Amino acid sequence: MTERKDASANVPAGPAEVAHALSGTSETRRLALADEAATTVAAAALARTLRPGDVVLLAGPLGAGKTTFARAVIRTLTSADEEVPSPTFTLVQTYETTAGPLWHFDLYRLCDPEEVFELGWEDAVTGGIVLVEWPDRLGRLCPARRLELTLEPAAGADTETGTETGTETEEGSRRLLTIQAFGGAGWAPPPPPSSLADYSAASSGRHQ
């Protein structure tokens, strides 16, 4: 694996910073997400770039915000009131979005990487947009071309986690987001709106 350069550390995440960090370079980028709204901004910025064939791996400990991030991506591509249950028990949920079919995997309960094929993995990676929580469960099946996002609670952030099921319950709102692109993955977002309010308006109004 090629060594990645660390381009930034704990950069506060506004729309411009999110767009720059998702530009698909070989550098490692870190963003500070100050609150739930900042997490939604980052997810919306990513969602606007996704196309079938894109694989996004969401890593991080319990309660770090993986499901929150995935839910915001899905709602950006469907509608603001789309029901987005955590696939902790079903392992996968599928959606028809404005960008194409989307598959949301939660592999926390996977015992063997090969079990992912029973969930429609091959169809997902060849013809859909793929979001994967707990991607370490994939082992050697991890796609070479991928965008890896790692969410971690910021220092001092409080989290409560459902340790029995792997379900993220009450999540701390301050997080750190680390972004790495592998295998030539190149997400190049369009110029971002100038403010968080613009993002919120764009996300809520695009499907009306």
N, C-alpha and C. Protein backbone atom coordinates (compact mmCIF):
# COMPACT_ATOMS: atom_id res chain seq x y z
N MET A 1 0.85 -1.19 0.00
CA MET A 1 0.00 0.00 0.00
C MET A 1 0.89 1.24 0.00
N THR A 2 0.59 2.21 -0.84
CA THR A 2 1.38 3.42 -0.94
C THR A 2 1.19 4.28 0.30
N GLU A 3 2.27 4.79 0.83
CA GLU A 3 2.18 5.66 1.99
C GLU A 3 1.47 6.95 1.62
N ARG A 4 0.57 7.38 2.49
CA ARG A 4 -0.19 8.59 2.21
C ARG A 4 0.35 9.75 3.03
N LYS A 5 0.36 10.92 2.43
CA LYS A 5 0.80 12.10 3.15
C LYS A 5 -0.34 12.64 3.99
N ASP A 6 0.00 13.19 5.16
CA ASP A 6 -0.98 13.78 6.04
C ASP A 6 -1.06 15.26 5.74
N ALA A 7 -2.16 15.67 5.12
CA ALA A 7 -2.25 17.03 4.62
C ALA A 7 -2.70 18.02 5.67
N SER A 8 -3.43 17.58 6.69
CA SER A 8 -3.96 18.51 7.66
C SER A 8 -4.32 17.77 8.92
N ALA A 9 -4.48 18.49 9.98
CA ALA A 9 -4.86 17.88 11.25
C ALA A 9 -5.89 18.77 11.93
N ASN A 10 -7.05 18.19 12.20
CA ASN A 10 -8.08 18.86 12.97
C ASN A 10 -8.50 20.20 12.37
N VAL A 11 -8.66 20.23 11.06
CA VAL A 11 -9.12 21.44 10.38
C VAL A 11 -10.62 21.60 10.62
N PRO A 12 -11.07 22.76 11.11
CA PRO A 12 -12.52 22.94 11.29
C PRO A 12 -13.23 22.79 9.95
N ALA A 13 -14.35 22.08 9.94
CA ALA A 13 -15.00 21.72 8.69
C ALA A 13 -16.13 22.67 8.34
N GLY A 14 -15.89 23.55 7.39
CA GLY A 14 -16.94 24.30 6.74
C GLY A 14 -17.15 23.70 5.36
N PRO A 15 -18.12 24.18 4.59
CA PRO A 15 -18.38 23.61 3.26
C PRO A 15 -17.16 23.58 2.35
N ALA A 16 -16.35 24.64 2.35
CA ALA A 16 -15.18 24.67 1.47
C ALA A 16 -14.16 23.62 1.89
N GLU A 17 -13.95 23.46 3.20
CA GLU A 17 -12.99 22.48 3.69
C GLU A 17 -13.43 21.07 3.37
N VAL A 18 -14.73 20.81 3.49
CA VAL A 18 -15.25 19.49 3.17
C VAL A 18 -15.03 19.17 1.70
N ALA A 19 -15.35 20.11 0.82
CA ALA A 19 -15.17 19.89 -0.62
C ALA A 19 -13.71 19.62 -0.95
N HIS A 20 -12.80 20.36 -0.33
CA HIS A 20 -11.38 20.17 -0.59
C HIS A 20 -10.92 18.79 -0.11
N ALA A 21 -11.38 18.39 1.07
CA ALA A 21 -10.96 17.12 1.63
C ALA A 21 -11.48 15.93 0.84
N LEU A 22 -12.58 16.10 0.15
CA LEU A 22 -13.16 15.02 -0.64
C LEU A 22 -12.72 15.05 -2.10
N SER A 23 -11.62 15.74 -2.37
CA SER A 23 -11.21 15.94 -3.75
C SER A 23 -10.49 14.75 -4.37
N GLY A 24 -10.31 13.67 -3.59
CA GLY A 24 -9.78 12.45 -4.17
C GLY A 24 -8.29 12.43 -4.38
N THR A 25 -7.53 13.23 -3.62
CA THR A 25 -6.08 13.19 -3.74
C THR A 25 -5.55 12.01 -2.95
N SER A 26 -4.23 11.77 -3.02
CA SER A 26 -3.62 10.67 -2.28
C SER A 26 -3.26 11.07 -0.86
N GLU A 27 -3.58 12.29 -0.49
CA GLU A 27 -3.23 12.76 0.84
C GLU A 27 -4.29 12.32 1.86
N THR A 28 -3.84 12.13 3.10
CA THR A 28 -4.76 11.92 4.20
C THR A 28 -5.20 13.29 4.70
N ARG A 29 -6.49 13.46 4.87
CA ARG A 29 -7.01 14.73 5.34
C ARG A 29 -7.86 14.50 6.58
N ARG A 30 -7.76 15.41 7.54
CA ARG A 30 -8.54 15.31 8.76
C ARG A 30 -9.37 16.57 8.95
N LEU A 31 -10.62 16.37 9.25
CA LEU A 31 -11.54 17.48 9.49
C LEU A 31 -12.12 17.37 10.88
N ALA A 32 -12.28 18.51 11.55
CA ALA A 32 -12.97 18.56 12.83
C ALA A 32 -14.43 18.90 12.57
N LEU A 33 -15.32 18.01 12.99
CA LEU A 33 -16.76 18.22 12.84
C LEU A 33 -17.30 18.69 14.19
N ALA A 34 -17.64 19.96 14.26
CA ALA A 34 -17.93 20.58 15.55
C ALA A 34 -19.26 20.13 16.15
N ASP A 35 -20.20 19.74 15.27
CA ASP A 35 -21.52 19.40 15.78
C ASP A 35 -22.24 18.53 14.75
N GLU A 36 -23.50 18.19 15.05
CA GLU A 36 -24.27 17.33 14.16
C GLU A 36 -24.46 17.97 12.78
N ALA A 37 -24.63 19.28 12.77
CA ALA A 37 -24.81 19.98 11.49
C ALA A 37 -23.57 19.86 10.62
N ALA A 38 -22.39 19.92 11.24
CA ALA A 38 -21.15 19.79 10.47
C ALA A 38 -21.01 18.39 9.89
N THR A 39 -21.44 17.38 10.63
CA THR A 39 -21.43 16.01 10.11
C THR A 39 -22.35 15.91 8.90
N THR A 40 -23.51 16.55 8.98
CA THR A 40 -24.45 16.54 7.87
C THR A 40 -23.88 17.25 6.65
N VAL A 41 -23.16 18.35 6.87
CA VAL A 41 -22.52 19.08 5.77
C VAL A 41 -21.53 18.17 5.05
N ALA A 42 -20.69 17.48 5.83
CA ALA A 42 -19.70 16.60 5.23
C ALA A 42 -20.36 15.48 4.44
N ALA A 43 -21.41 14.89 5.00
CA ALA A 43 -22.12 13.81 4.31
C ALA A 43 -22.79 14.31 3.04
N ALA A 44 -23.40 15.50 3.11
CA ALA A 44 -24.07 16.06 1.93
C ALA A 44 -23.07 16.37 0.83
N ALA A 45 -21.90 16.88 1.21
CA ALA A 45 -20.86 17.18 0.22
C ALA A 45 -20.42 15.92 -0.50
N LEU A 46 -20.25 14.85 0.25
CA LEU A 46 -19.87 13.58 -0.36
C LEU A 46 -20.99 13.04 -1.24
N ALA A 47 -22.22 13.07 -0.73
CA ALA A 47 -23.36 12.50 -1.46
C ALA A 47 -23.49 13.11 -2.86
N ARG A 48 -23.22 14.39 -2.99
CA ARG A 48 -23.40 15.09 -4.26
C ARG A 48 -22.39 14.63 -5.31
N THR A 49 -21.37 13.87 -4.91
CA THR A 49 -20.34 13.41 -5.85
C THR A 49 -20.49 11.94 -6.22
N LEU A 50 -21.35 11.20 -5.52
CA LEU A 50 -21.37 9.74 -5.67
C LEU A 50 -22.07 9.29 -6.94
N ARG A 51 -21.52 8.22 -7.52
CA ARG A 51 -22.09 7.60 -8.71
C ARG A 51 -21.99 6.08 -8.56
N PRO A 52 -22.77 5.31 -9.31
CA PRO A 52 -22.64 3.84 -9.25
C PRO A 52 -21.20 3.41 -9.48
N GLY A 53 -20.75 2.46 -8.68
CA GLY A 53 -19.37 2.01 -8.72
C GLY A 53 -18.52 2.57 -7.61
N ASP A 54 -19.01 3.60 -6.92
CA ASP A 54 -18.27 4.20 -5.81
C ASP A 54 -18.50 3.39 -4.53
N VAL A 55 -17.43 3.13 -3.81
CA VAL A 55 -17.49 2.39 -2.55
C VAL A 55 -16.92 3.27 -1.45
N VAL A 56 -17.73 3.53 -0.43
CA VAL A 56 -17.33 4.37 0.70
C VAL A 56 -17.34 3.51 1.96
N LEU A 57 -16.18 3.41 2.59
CA LEU A 57 -16.05 2.62 3.81
C LEU A 57 -16.09 3.57 5.01
N LEU A 58 -17.00 3.27 5.95
CA LEU A 58 -17.18 4.10 7.14
C LEU A 58 -16.66 3.34 8.36
N ALA A 59 -15.50 3.74 8.83
CA ALA A 59 -14.88 3.06 9.97
C ALA A 59 -14.95 3.95 11.20
N GLY A 60 -14.71 3.32 12.35
CA GLY A 60 -14.71 4.06 13.61
C GLY A 60 -15.34 3.24 14.71
N PRO A 61 -15.13 3.61 15.96
CA PRO A 61 -15.68 2.86 17.08
C PRO A 61 -17.19 3.04 17.21
N LEU A 62 -17.79 2.25 18.08
CA LEU A 62 -19.20 2.41 18.37
C LEU A 62 -19.48 3.83 18.84
N GLY A 63 -20.56 4.40 18.33
CA GLY A 63 -20.95 5.74 18.74
C GLY A 63 -20.20 6.87 18.07
N ALA A 64 -19.36 6.56 17.08
CA ALA A 64 -18.56 7.61 16.45
C ALA A 64 -19.33 8.42 15.43
N GLY A 65 -20.47 7.90 14.96
CA GLY A 65 -21.29 8.65 14.00
C GLY A 65 -21.38 8.05 12.63
N LYS A 66 -21.01 6.79 12.47
CA LYS A 66 -21.04 6.15 11.14
C LYS A 66 -22.46 6.11 10.58
N THR A 67 -23.41 5.67 11.40
CA THR A 67 -24.79 5.58 10.92
C THR A 67 -25.37 6.97 10.66
N THR A 68 -25.03 7.93 11.51
CA THR A 68 -25.47 9.31 11.30
C THR A 68 -24.97 9.83 9.96
N PHE A 69 -23.71 9.58 9.65
CA PHE A 69 -23.12 10.03 8.40
C PHE A 69 -23.81 9.34 7.22
N ALA A 70 -23.97 8.02 7.29
CA ALA A 70 -24.61 7.28 6.21
C ALA A 70 -26.04 7.76 5.99
N ARG A 71 -26.75 7.99 7.08
CA ARG A 71 -28.14 8.44 6.97
C ARG A 71 -28.23 9.78 6.26
N ALA A 72 -27.29 10.68 6.56
CA ALA A 72 -27.29 11.99 5.90
C ALA A 72 -26.96 11.87 4.41
N VAL A 73 -26.06 10.96 4.05
CA VAL A 73 -25.77 10.71 2.63
C VAL A 73 -27.03 10.24 1.92
N ILE A 74 -27.70 9.27 2.50
CA ILE A 74 -28.88 8.68 1.87
C ILE A 74 -30.00 9.70 1.74
N ARG A 75 -30.22 10.49 2.77
CA ARG A 75 -31.30 11.49 2.71
C ARG A 75 -30.98 12.60 1.72
N THR A 76 -29.71 12.91 1.52
CA THR A 76 -29.34 13.90 0.50
C THR A 76 -29.71 13.39 -0.90
N LEU A 77 -29.59 12.08 -1.10
CA LEU A 77 -29.84 11.50 -2.42
C LEU A 77 -31.27 11.00 -2.60
N THR A 78 -32.08 11.05 -1.54
CA THR A 78 -33.49 10.62 -1.65
C THR A 78 -34.38 11.80 -1.25
N SER A 79 -34.72 11.89 0.01
CA SER A 79 -35.48 13.02 0.51
C SER A 79 -35.17 13.22 1.98
N ALA A 80 -35.43 14.43 2.46
CA ALA A 80 -35.07 14.77 3.83
C ALA A 80 -35.83 13.94 4.86
N ASP A 81 -37.00 13.43 4.47
CA ASP A 81 -37.80 12.65 5.41
C ASP A 81 -37.73 11.14 5.12
N GLU A 82 -36.76 10.73 4.31
CA GLU A 82 -36.60 9.31 4.00
C GLU A 82 -36.33 8.52 5.29
N GLU A 83 -37.05 7.42 5.47
CA GLU A 83 -36.80 6.55 6.62
C GLU A 83 -35.52 5.75 6.34
N VAL A 84 -34.53 5.90 7.21
CA VAL A 84 -33.24 5.23 7.02
C VAL A 84 -32.89 4.46 8.29
N PRO A 85 -33.40 3.25 8.41
CA PRO A 85 -33.10 2.45 9.60
C PRO A 85 -31.66 1.95 9.56
N SER A 86 -31.08 1.75 10.73
CA SER A 86 -29.75 1.15 10.78
C SER A 86 -29.84 -0.30 10.35
N PRO A 87 -28.96 -0.75 9.46
CA PRO A 87 -29.00 -2.16 9.01
C PRO A 87 -28.25 -3.11 9.94
N THR A 88 -28.21 -2.78 11.23
CA THR A 88 -27.47 -3.61 12.19
C THR A 88 -27.96 -5.05 12.18
N PHE A 89 -29.29 -5.24 12.11
CA PHE A 89 -29.84 -6.59 12.17
C PHE A 89 -30.08 -7.18 10.78
N THR A 90 -30.47 -6.36 9.82
CA THR A 90 -30.70 -6.86 8.46
C THR A 90 -29.40 -6.98 7.67
N LEU A 91 -28.36 -6.29 8.12
CA LEU A 91 -27.03 -6.24 7.52
C LEU A 91 -26.95 -5.40 6.25
N VAL A 92 -28.06 -5.23 5.54
CA VAL A 92 -28.03 -4.38 4.35
C VAL A 92 -29.41 -3.78 4.11
N GLN A 93 -29.43 -2.55 3.66
CA GLN A 93 -30.64 -1.86 3.22
C GLN A 93 -30.35 -1.26 1.85
N THR A 94 -31.33 -1.27 0.97
CA THR A 94 -31.12 -0.72 -0.37
C THR A 94 -32.08 0.44 -0.62
N TYR A 95 -31.65 1.36 -1.47
CA TYR A 95 -32.42 2.56 -1.77
C TYR A 95 -32.28 2.90 -3.24
N GLU A 96 -33.35 3.44 -3.81
CA GLU A 96 -33.28 4.04 -5.14
C GLU A 96 -33.07 5.53 -4.95
N THR A 97 -31.98 6.04 -5.48
CA THR A 97 -31.65 7.45 -5.27
C THR A 97 -31.54 8.18 -6.60
N THR A 98 -31.39 9.49 -6.51
CA THR A 98 -31.24 10.29 -7.72
C THR A 98 -29.95 10.00 -8.46
N ALA A 99 -28.97 9.39 -7.76
CA ALA A 99 -27.69 9.08 -8.38
C ALA A 99 -27.58 7.62 -8.82
N GLY A 100 -28.58 6.80 -8.47
CA GLY A 100 -28.54 5.38 -8.79
C GLY A 100 -28.83 4.55 -7.55
N PRO A 101 -28.88 3.23 -7.71
CA PRO A 101 -29.15 2.37 -6.55
C PRO A 101 -28.04 2.49 -5.51
N LEU A 102 -28.46 2.50 -4.25
CA LEU A 102 -27.50 2.63 -3.15
C LEU A 102 -27.70 1.47 -2.19
N TRP A 103 -26.59 0.88 -1.76
CA TRP A 103 -26.58 -0.24 -0.83
C TRP A 103 -25.88 0.21 0.45
N HIS A 104 -26.57 0.07 1.58
CA HIS A 104 -26.00 0.46 2.88
C HIS A 104 -25.80 -0.81 3.70
N PHE A 105 -24.53 -1.17 3.88
CA PHE A 105 -24.17 -2.38 4.62
C PHE A 105 -23.73 -2.03 6.03
N ASP A 106 -24.13 -2.85 7.00
CA ASP A 106 -23.57 -2.81 8.35
C ASP A 106 -23.08 -4.22 8.64
N LEU A 107 -21.77 -4.41 8.64
CA LEU A 107 -21.19 -5.75 8.71
C LEU A 107 -20.74 -6.13 10.12
N TYR A 108 -21.23 -5.43 11.11
CA TYR A 108 -20.82 -5.70 12.49
C TYR A 108 -21.01 -7.15 12.86
N ARG A 109 -22.11 -7.76 12.41
CA ARG A 109 -22.44 -9.13 12.79
C ARG A 109 -21.87 -10.19 11.84
N LEU A 110 -21.13 -9.76 10.84
CA LEU A 110 -20.57 -10.72 9.89
C LEU A 110 -19.50 -11.57 10.56
N CYS A 111 -19.61 -12.88 10.43
CA CYS A 111 -18.64 -13.79 11.05
C CYS A 111 -17.50 -14.15 10.11
N ASP A 112 -17.77 -14.15 8.80
CA ASP A 112 -16.77 -14.52 7.82
C ASP A 112 -16.93 -13.60 6.61
N PRO A 113 -15.84 -13.08 6.05
CA PRO A 113 -15.97 -12.18 4.90
C PRO A 113 -16.81 -12.74 3.76
N GLU A 114 -16.73 -14.05 3.52
CA GLU A 114 -17.46 -14.66 2.41
C GLU A 114 -18.98 -14.51 2.55
N GLU A 115 -19.45 -14.29 3.78
CA GLU A 115 -20.89 -14.15 4.00
C GLU A 115 -21.46 -12.91 3.31
N VAL A 116 -20.59 -11.96 2.96
CA VAL A 116 -21.07 -10.75 2.33
C VAL A 116 -21.69 -11.03 0.97
N PHE A 117 -21.27 -12.13 0.32
CA PHE A 117 -21.84 -12.45 -0.98
C PHE A 117 -23.32 -12.82 -0.88
N GLU A 118 -23.74 -13.33 0.28
CA GLU A 118 -25.14 -13.68 0.48
C GLU A 118 -26.02 -12.44 0.62
N LEU A 119 -25.38 -11.29 0.79
CA LEU A 119 -26.10 -10.03 0.96
C LEU A 119 -26.22 -9.24 -0.33
N GLY A 120 -25.76 -9.81 -1.45
CA GLY A 120 -25.82 -9.11 -2.73
C GLY A 120 -24.61 -8.24 -3.01
N TRP A 121 -23.48 -8.57 -2.40
CA TRP A 121 -22.28 -7.74 -2.52
C TRP A 121 -21.84 -7.54 -3.96
N GLU A 122 -21.84 -8.60 -4.76
CA GLU A 122 -21.36 -8.47 -6.14
C GLU A 122 -22.22 -7.51 -6.94
N ASP A 123 -23.53 -7.60 -6.79
CA ASP A 123 -24.42 -6.66 -7.49
C ASP A 123 -24.18 -5.24 -7.00
N ALA A 124 -23.96 -5.10 -5.71
CA ALA A 124 -23.78 -3.77 -5.14
C ALA A 124 -22.54 -3.08 -5.70
N VAL A 125 -21.40 -3.77 -5.70
CA VAL A 125 -20.15 -3.13 -6.10
C VAL A 125 -20.02 -2.96 -7.60
N THR A 126 -20.80 -3.71 -8.38
CA THR A 126 -20.71 -3.57 -9.83
C THR A 126 -21.71 -2.57 -10.40
N GLY A 127 -22.82 -2.35 -9.68
CA GLY A 127 -23.84 -1.48 -10.26
C GLY A 127 -24.44 -0.46 -9.33
N GLY A 128 -23.88 -0.33 -8.13
CA GLY A 128 -24.50 0.57 -7.16
C GLY A 128 -23.50 1.46 -6.45
N ILE A 129 -24.04 2.37 -5.69
CA ILE A 129 -23.26 3.16 -4.73
C ILE A 129 -23.25 2.36 -3.43
N VAL A 130 -22.11 2.21 -2.82
CA VAL A 130 -21.98 1.33 -1.66
C VAL A 130 -21.45 2.10 -0.45
N LEU A 131 -22.19 2.02 0.65
CA LEU A 131 -21.74 2.53 1.94
C LEU A 131 -21.57 1.33 2.86
N VAL A 132 -20.43 1.23 3.52
CA VAL A 132 -20.15 0.08 4.37
C VAL A 132 -19.72 0.53 5.77
N GLU A 133 -20.51 0.17 6.76
CA GLU A 133 -20.09 0.33 8.15
C GLU A 133 -19.40 -0.95 8.62
N TRP A 134 -18.41 -0.81 9.48
CA TRP A 134 -17.58 -1.91 9.95
C TRP A 134 -16.89 -2.63 8.77
N PRO A 135 -16.18 -1.87 7.93
CA PRO A 135 -15.56 -2.46 6.74
C PRO A 135 -14.42 -3.43 7.04
N ASP A 136 -13.90 -3.42 8.27
CA ASP A 136 -12.83 -4.36 8.61
C ASP A 136 -13.30 -5.80 8.48
N ARG A 137 -14.62 -6.03 8.54
CA ARG A 137 -15.16 -7.38 8.41
C ARG A 137 -14.99 -7.93 7.00
N LEU A 138 -14.69 -7.06 6.04
CA LEU A 138 -14.52 -7.52 4.65
C LEU A 138 -13.21 -8.26 4.44
N GLY A 139 -12.22 -7.99 5.26
CA GLY A 139 -10.93 -8.65 5.10
C GLY A 139 -10.36 -8.44 3.71
N ARG A 140 -9.97 -9.53 3.07
CA ARG A 140 -9.34 -9.47 1.74
C ARG A 140 -10.32 -9.06 0.64
N LEU A 141 -11.61 -9.03 0.93
CA LEU A 141 -12.61 -8.65 -0.06
C LEU A 141 -12.78 -7.14 -0.17
N CYS A 142 -12.02 -6.40 0.61
CA CYS A 142 -12.11 -4.95 0.56
C CYS A 142 -11.74 -4.46 -0.85
N PRO A 143 -12.58 -3.67 -1.52
CA PRO A 143 -12.28 -3.21 -2.88
C PRO A 143 -11.00 -2.37 -2.93
N ALA A 144 -10.26 -2.54 -4.00
CA ALA A 144 -9.01 -1.76 -4.17
C ALA A 144 -9.32 -0.29 -4.36
N ARG A 145 -10.38 0.01 -5.12
CA ARG A 145 -10.77 1.40 -5.34
C ARG A 145 -11.85 1.75 -4.33
N ARG A 146 -11.51 2.63 -3.42
CA ARG A 146 -12.44 2.94 -2.34
C ARG A 146 -12.08 4.28 -1.70
N LEU A 147 -13.05 4.85 -1.03
CA LEU A 147 -12.83 6.02 -0.21
C LEU A 147 -13.04 5.59 1.23
N GLU A 148 -12.02 5.76 2.06
CA GLU A 148 -12.10 5.37 3.46
C GLU A 148 -12.34 6.60 4.33
N LEU A 149 -13.41 6.58 5.10
CA LEU A 149 -13.71 7.64 6.05
C LEU A 149 -13.68 7.04 7.45
N THR A 150 -12.90 7.62 8.32
CA THR A 150 -12.83 7.16 9.70
C THR A 150 -13.35 8.26 10.61
N LEU A 151 -14.39 7.94 11.37
CA LEU A 151 -14.99 8.87 12.31
C LEU A 151 -14.58 8.50 13.72
N GLU A 152 -14.18 9.50 14.50
CA GLU A 152 -13.79 9.27 15.88
C GLU A 152 -14.37 10.39 16.74
N PRO A 153 -14.80 10.06 17.95
CA PRO A 153 -15.24 11.13 18.86
C PRO A 153 -14.07 12.07 19.15
N ALA A 154 -14.34 13.36 19.12
CA ALA A 154 -13.31 14.32 19.48
C ALA A 154 -13.01 14.22 20.96
N ALA A 155 -11.83 14.66 21.36
CA ALA A 155 -11.44 14.60 22.76
C ALA A 155 -12.47 15.33 23.62
N GLY A 156 -12.95 14.63 24.63
CA GLY A 156 -13.92 15.22 25.54
C GLY A 156 -15.36 15.05 25.13
N ALA A 157 -15.61 14.49 23.92
CA ALA A 157 -16.99 14.28 23.48
C ALA A 157 -17.57 13.08 24.20
N ASP A 158 -18.83 13.20 24.63
CA ASP A 158 -19.50 12.11 25.32
C ASP A 158 -20.20 11.22 24.32
N THR A 159 -20.04 9.92 24.47
CA THR A 159 -20.79 8.97 23.64
C THR A 159 -21.37 7.88 24.50
N GLU A 160 -22.55 7.40 24.11
CA GLU A 160 -23.15 6.22 24.72
C GLU A 160 -23.39 5.23 23.61
N THR A 161 -22.97 4.01 23.79
CA THR A 161 -23.08 3.04 22.72
C THR A 161 -23.81 1.81 23.16
N GLY A 162 -24.52 1.20 22.21
CA GLY A 162 -25.18 -0.07 22.48
C GLY A 162 -24.20 -1.19 22.23
N THR A 163 -23.43 -1.55 23.23
CA THR A 163 -22.33 -2.48 23.04
C THR A 163 -22.80 -3.90 22.75
N GLU A 164 -24.03 -4.25 23.10
CA GLU A 164 -24.49 -5.61 22.87
C GLU A 164 -24.79 -5.86 21.41
N THR A 165 -25.32 -4.89 20.72
CA THR A 165 -25.76 -5.09 19.34
C THR A 165 -24.86 -4.43 18.32
N GLY A 166 -24.05 -3.47 18.76
CA GLY A 166 -23.27 -2.70 17.80
C GLY A 166 -24.01 -1.50 17.29
N THR A 167 -25.23 -1.26 17.77
CA THR A 167 -26.02 -0.13 17.33
C THR A 167 -25.49 1.15 17.96
N GLU A 168 -25.33 2.19 17.16
CA GLU A 168 -24.94 3.48 17.69
C GLU A 168 -26.19 4.17 18.22
N THR A 169 -26.19 4.54 19.49
CA THR A 169 -27.37 5.15 20.08
C THR A 169 -27.15 6.65 20.21
N GLU A 170 -26.90 7.13 21.40
CA GLU A 170 -26.67 8.55 21.59
C GLU A 170 -25.22 8.88 21.26
N GLU A 171 -25.03 9.63 20.17
CA GLU A 171 -23.69 9.89 19.69
C GLU A 171 -23.21 11.27 20.10
N GLY A 172 -21.94 11.36 20.50
CA GLY A 172 -21.36 12.67 20.74
C GLY A 172 -21.35 13.46 19.45
N SER A 173 -21.58 14.76 19.52
CA SER A 173 -21.73 15.55 18.30
C SER A 173 -20.40 16.05 17.75
N ARG A 174 -19.35 16.10 18.58
CA ARG A 174 -18.05 16.57 18.10
C ARG A 174 -17.20 15.38 17.67
N ARG A 175 -16.76 15.41 16.41
CA ARG A 175 -16.06 14.26 15.84
C ARG A 175 -14.87 14.72 15.02
N LEU A 176 -13.97 13.78 14.78
CA LEU A 176 -12.88 13.96 13.83
C LEU A 176 -13.13 13.02 12.65
N LEU A 177 -12.97 13.53 11.45
CA LEU A 177 -13.18 12.75 10.23
C LEU A 177 -11.87 12.68 9.47
N THR A 178 -11.36 11.45 9.26
CA THR A 178 -10.15 11.23 8.47
C THR A 178 -10.54 10.65 7.13
N ILE A 179 -10.00 11.19 6.05
CA ILE A 179 -10.38 10.81 4.69
C ILE A 179 -9.15 10.34 3.92
N GLN A 180 -9.27 9.15 3.30
CA GLN A 180 -8.22 8.63 2.42
C GLN A 180 -8.86 8.02 1.18
N ALA A 181 -8.26 8.27 0.02
CA ALA A 181 -8.71 7.68 -1.24
C ALA A 181 -7.68 6.65 -1.69
N PHE A 182 -8.15 5.49 -2.15
CA PHE A 182 -7.27 4.42 -2.59
C PHE A 182 -7.67 3.94 -3.99
N GLY A 183 -6.69 3.42 -4.73
CA GLY A 183 -6.96 2.78 -6.01
C GLY A 183 -7.43 3.72 -7.09
N GLY A 184 -7.04 4.97 -7.00
CA GLY A 184 -7.45 5.92 -8.02
C GLY A 184 -8.82 6.51 -7.81
N ALA A 185 -9.39 6.28 -6.63
CA ALA A 185 -10.69 6.89 -6.34
C ALA A 185 -10.55 8.39 -6.43
N GLY A 186 -11.46 9.03 -7.14
CA GLY A 186 -11.37 10.47 -7.32
C GLY A 186 -12.71 11.14 -7.20
N TRP A 187 -13.07 11.51 -6.00
CA TRP A 187 -14.32 12.24 -5.80
C TRP A 187 -14.01 13.72 -5.91
N ALA A 188 -14.57 14.36 -6.92
CA ALA A 188 -14.27 15.77 -7.15
C ALA A 188 -15.56 16.57 -7.04
N PRO A 189 -15.89 17.06 -5.85
CA PRO A 189 -17.15 17.75 -5.66
C PRO A 189 -17.25 19.02 -6.48
N PRO A 190 -18.47 19.41 -6.88
CA PRO A 190 -18.67 20.71 -7.49
C PRO A 190 -18.42 21.79 -6.45
N PRO A 191 -18.27 23.04 -6.88
CA PRO A 191 -18.05 24.11 -5.90
C PRO A 191 -19.15 24.09 -4.85
N PRO A 192 -18.78 24.12 -3.55
CA PRO A 192 -19.78 24.01 -2.51
C PRO A 192 -20.56 25.29 -2.32
N PRO A 193 -21.79 25.20 -1.77
CA PRO A 193 -22.49 26.41 -1.38
C PRO A 193 -21.66 27.19 -0.38
N SER A 194 -21.94 28.47 -0.28
CA SER A 194 -21.08 29.34 0.52
C SER A 194 -21.35 29.25 2.01
N SER A 195 -22.43 28.61 2.41
CA SER A 195 -22.75 28.56 3.83
C SER A 195 -23.49 27.29 4.16
N LEU A 196 -23.53 26.98 5.45
CA LEU A 196 -24.26 25.81 5.92
C LEU A 196 -25.74 25.95 5.60
N ALA A 197 -26.26 27.17 5.67
CA ALA A 197 -27.67 27.40 5.35
C ALA A 197 -27.96 27.02 3.91
N ASP A 198 -27.01 27.32 3.00
CA ASP A 198 -27.18 26.96 1.60
C ASP A 198 -27.24 25.44 1.44
N TYR A 199 -26.37 24.73 2.18
CA TYR A 199 -26.38 23.27 2.13
C TYR A 199 -27.72 22.73 2.59
N SER A 200 -28.22 23.27 3.70
CA SER A 200 -29.48 22.78 4.23
C SER A 200 -30.61 23.01 3.24
N ALA A 201 -30.62 24.18 2.62
CA ALA A 201 -31.67 24.48 1.65
C ALA A 201 -31.57 23.58 0.45
N ALA A 202 -30.34 23.34 -0.02
CA ALA A 202 -30.15 22.49 -1.20
C ALA A 202 -30.57 21.07 -0.90
N SER A 203 -30.22 20.57 0.28
CA SER A 203 -30.54 19.19 0.62
C SER A 203 -32.02 18.99 0.78
N SER A 204 -32.72 19.96 1.38
CA SER A 204 -34.14 19.78 1.65
C SER A 204 -35.00 20.06 0.44
N GLY A 205 -34.48 20.86 -0.51
CA GLY A 205 -35.31 21.27 -1.62
C GLY A 205 -35.07 20.54 -2.92
N ARG A 206 -34.01 19.75 -3.01
CA ARG A 206 -33.63 19.15 -4.28
C ARG A 206 -34.60 18.11 -4.77
N HIS A 207 -35.39 17.50 -3.86
CA HIS A 207 -36.29 16.44 -4.26
C HIS A 207 -37.76 16.85 -4.16
N GLN A 208 -38.03 18.13 -3.96
CA GLN A 208 -39.41 18.57 -3.85
C GLN A 208 -40.00 18.84 -5.23
